Amino acid sequence: GQCWVFAALQNTLMRTVGIGSRQLTAFGAWLDNSNLRDKHRKLHHVADEYYDINGTTVYLESQAWNYHSWNDIWMRRNNETLSGW
């Protein structure tokens, strides 16, 4: 499936049942794959990319997306200071 389709459906469902929801989209998003080489599977929030002298990519440890879409959903909690998006 596509992220924007899932986000649109979830947004519609949440609003239909009366829960505040908003769909967000980031353009030029990067996916951090640094946890693949970490034995504890910890993300390091890096995008390693190396080029040779001609500008050809020789190593890439991340994924570049042209966009990514998701939802923020309003969560109301008993402690009002913890309520929010």
Protein backbone atom coordinates (compact mmCIF):
# COMPACT_ATOMS: atom_id res chain seq x y z
CA GLY A 1 0.00 0.00 0.00
CA GLN A 2 0.83 3.65 -0.22
CA CYS A 3 1.38 5.83 2.86
CA TRP A 4 -0.89 8.60 1.59
CA VAL A 5 -3.76 6.11 1.06
CA PHE A 6 -3.43 4.69 4.59
CA ALA A 7 -3.18 8.20 6.05
CA ALA A 8 -6.27 9.38 4.16
CA LEU A 9 -8.31 6.36 5.29
CA GLN A 10 -7.19 6.67 8.91
CA ASN A 11 -7.92 10.40 8.88
CA THR A 12 -11.44 9.74 7.54
CA LEU A 13 -12.08 7.01 10.12
CA MET A 14 -10.88 9.12 13.06
CA ARG A 15 -12.96 12.13 12.04
CA THR A 16 -16.02 9.92 11.43
CA VAL A 17 -15.93 8.64 15.01
CA GLY A 18 -15.35 12.16 16.40
CA ILE A 19 -11.62 12.06 17.09
CA GLY A 20 -9.53 15.02 15.91
CA SER A 21 -7.11 14.02 13.19
CA ARG A 22 -4.92 15.71 10.59
CA GLN A 23 -2.91 14.32 7.71
CA LEU A 24 0.68 15.49 7.31
CA THR A 25 3.06 15.15 4.39
CA ALA A 26 6.82 15.71 4.27
CA PHE A 27 8.55 16.24 0.95
CA GLY A 28 12.12 15.06 0.52
CA ALA A 29 11.86 12.65 3.48
CA TRP A 30 14.75 10.34 4.40
CA LEU A 31 14.47 6.92 6.03
CA ASP A 32 17.25 6.11 8.49
CA ASN A 33 18.60 2.57 7.95
CA SER A 34 21.53 2.88 10.36
CA ASN A 35 19.89 0.37 12.74
CA LEU A 36 20.66 -2.41 10.24
CA ARG A 37 24.35 -2.39 11.22
CA ASP A 38 23.81 -1.77 14.95
CA LYS A 39 23.68 -4.98 17.03
CA HIS A 40 21.01 -3.41 19.29
CA ARG A 41 19.00 -2.18 16.29
CA LYS A 42 19.29 1.42 17.50
CA LEU A 43 18.58 4.23 15.04
CA HIS A 44 21.34 6.85 14.80
CA HIS A 45 19.43 9.42 12.69
CA VAL A 46 22.05 9.63 9.99
CA ALA A 47 22.01 9.28 6.24
CA ASP A 48 25.44 8.15 5.10
CA GLU A 49 26.11 8.71 1.44
CA TYR A 50 29.52 8.51 -0.23
CA TYR A 51 30.54 9.45 -3.77
CA ASP A 52 33.60 8.82 -5.88
CA ILE A 53 35.51 11.62 -7.63
CA ASN A 54 33.09 11.47 -10.60
CA GLY A 55 30.03 11.99 -8.42
CA THR A 56 28.83 8.40 -8.66
CA THR A 57 27.26 7.00 -5.47
CA VAL A 58 29.53 4.30 -4.03
CA TYR A 59 27.71 3.75 -0.72
CA LEU A 60 24.26 4.72 0.52
CA GLU A 61 22.88 3.76 3.93
CA SER A 62 19.43 5.32 3.94
CA GLN A 63 16.48 5.76 1.64
CA ALA A 64 15.33 9.00 0.09
CA TRP A 65 11.60 9.30 -0.49
CA ASN A 66 10.09 12.02 -2.61
CA TYR A 67 7.41 12.33 0.09
CA HIS A 68 5.89 10.53 3.08
CA SER A 69 2.43 10.98 4.62
CA TRP A 70 1.07 10.14 8.09
CA ASN A 71 -1.51 11.26 10.67
CA ASP A 72 -1.53 13.20 13.90
CA ILE A 73 -4.42 12.17 16.13
CA TRP A 74 -5.66 14.25 19.08
CA MET A 75 -5.32 12.26 22.28
CA ARG A 76 -7.26 13.52 25.31
CA ARG A 77 -5.94 12.22 28.62
CA ASN A 78 -7.06 12.58 32.23
CA ASN A 79 -4.01 14.73 32.88
CA GLU A 80 -4.66 17.73 30.58
CA THR A 81 -0.95 18.57 30.38
CA LEU A 82 -0.44 15.25 28.52
CA SER A 83 -3.28 15.82 26.02
CA GLY A 84 -2.41 16.83 22.50
CA TRP A 85 -1.32 15.78 19.07
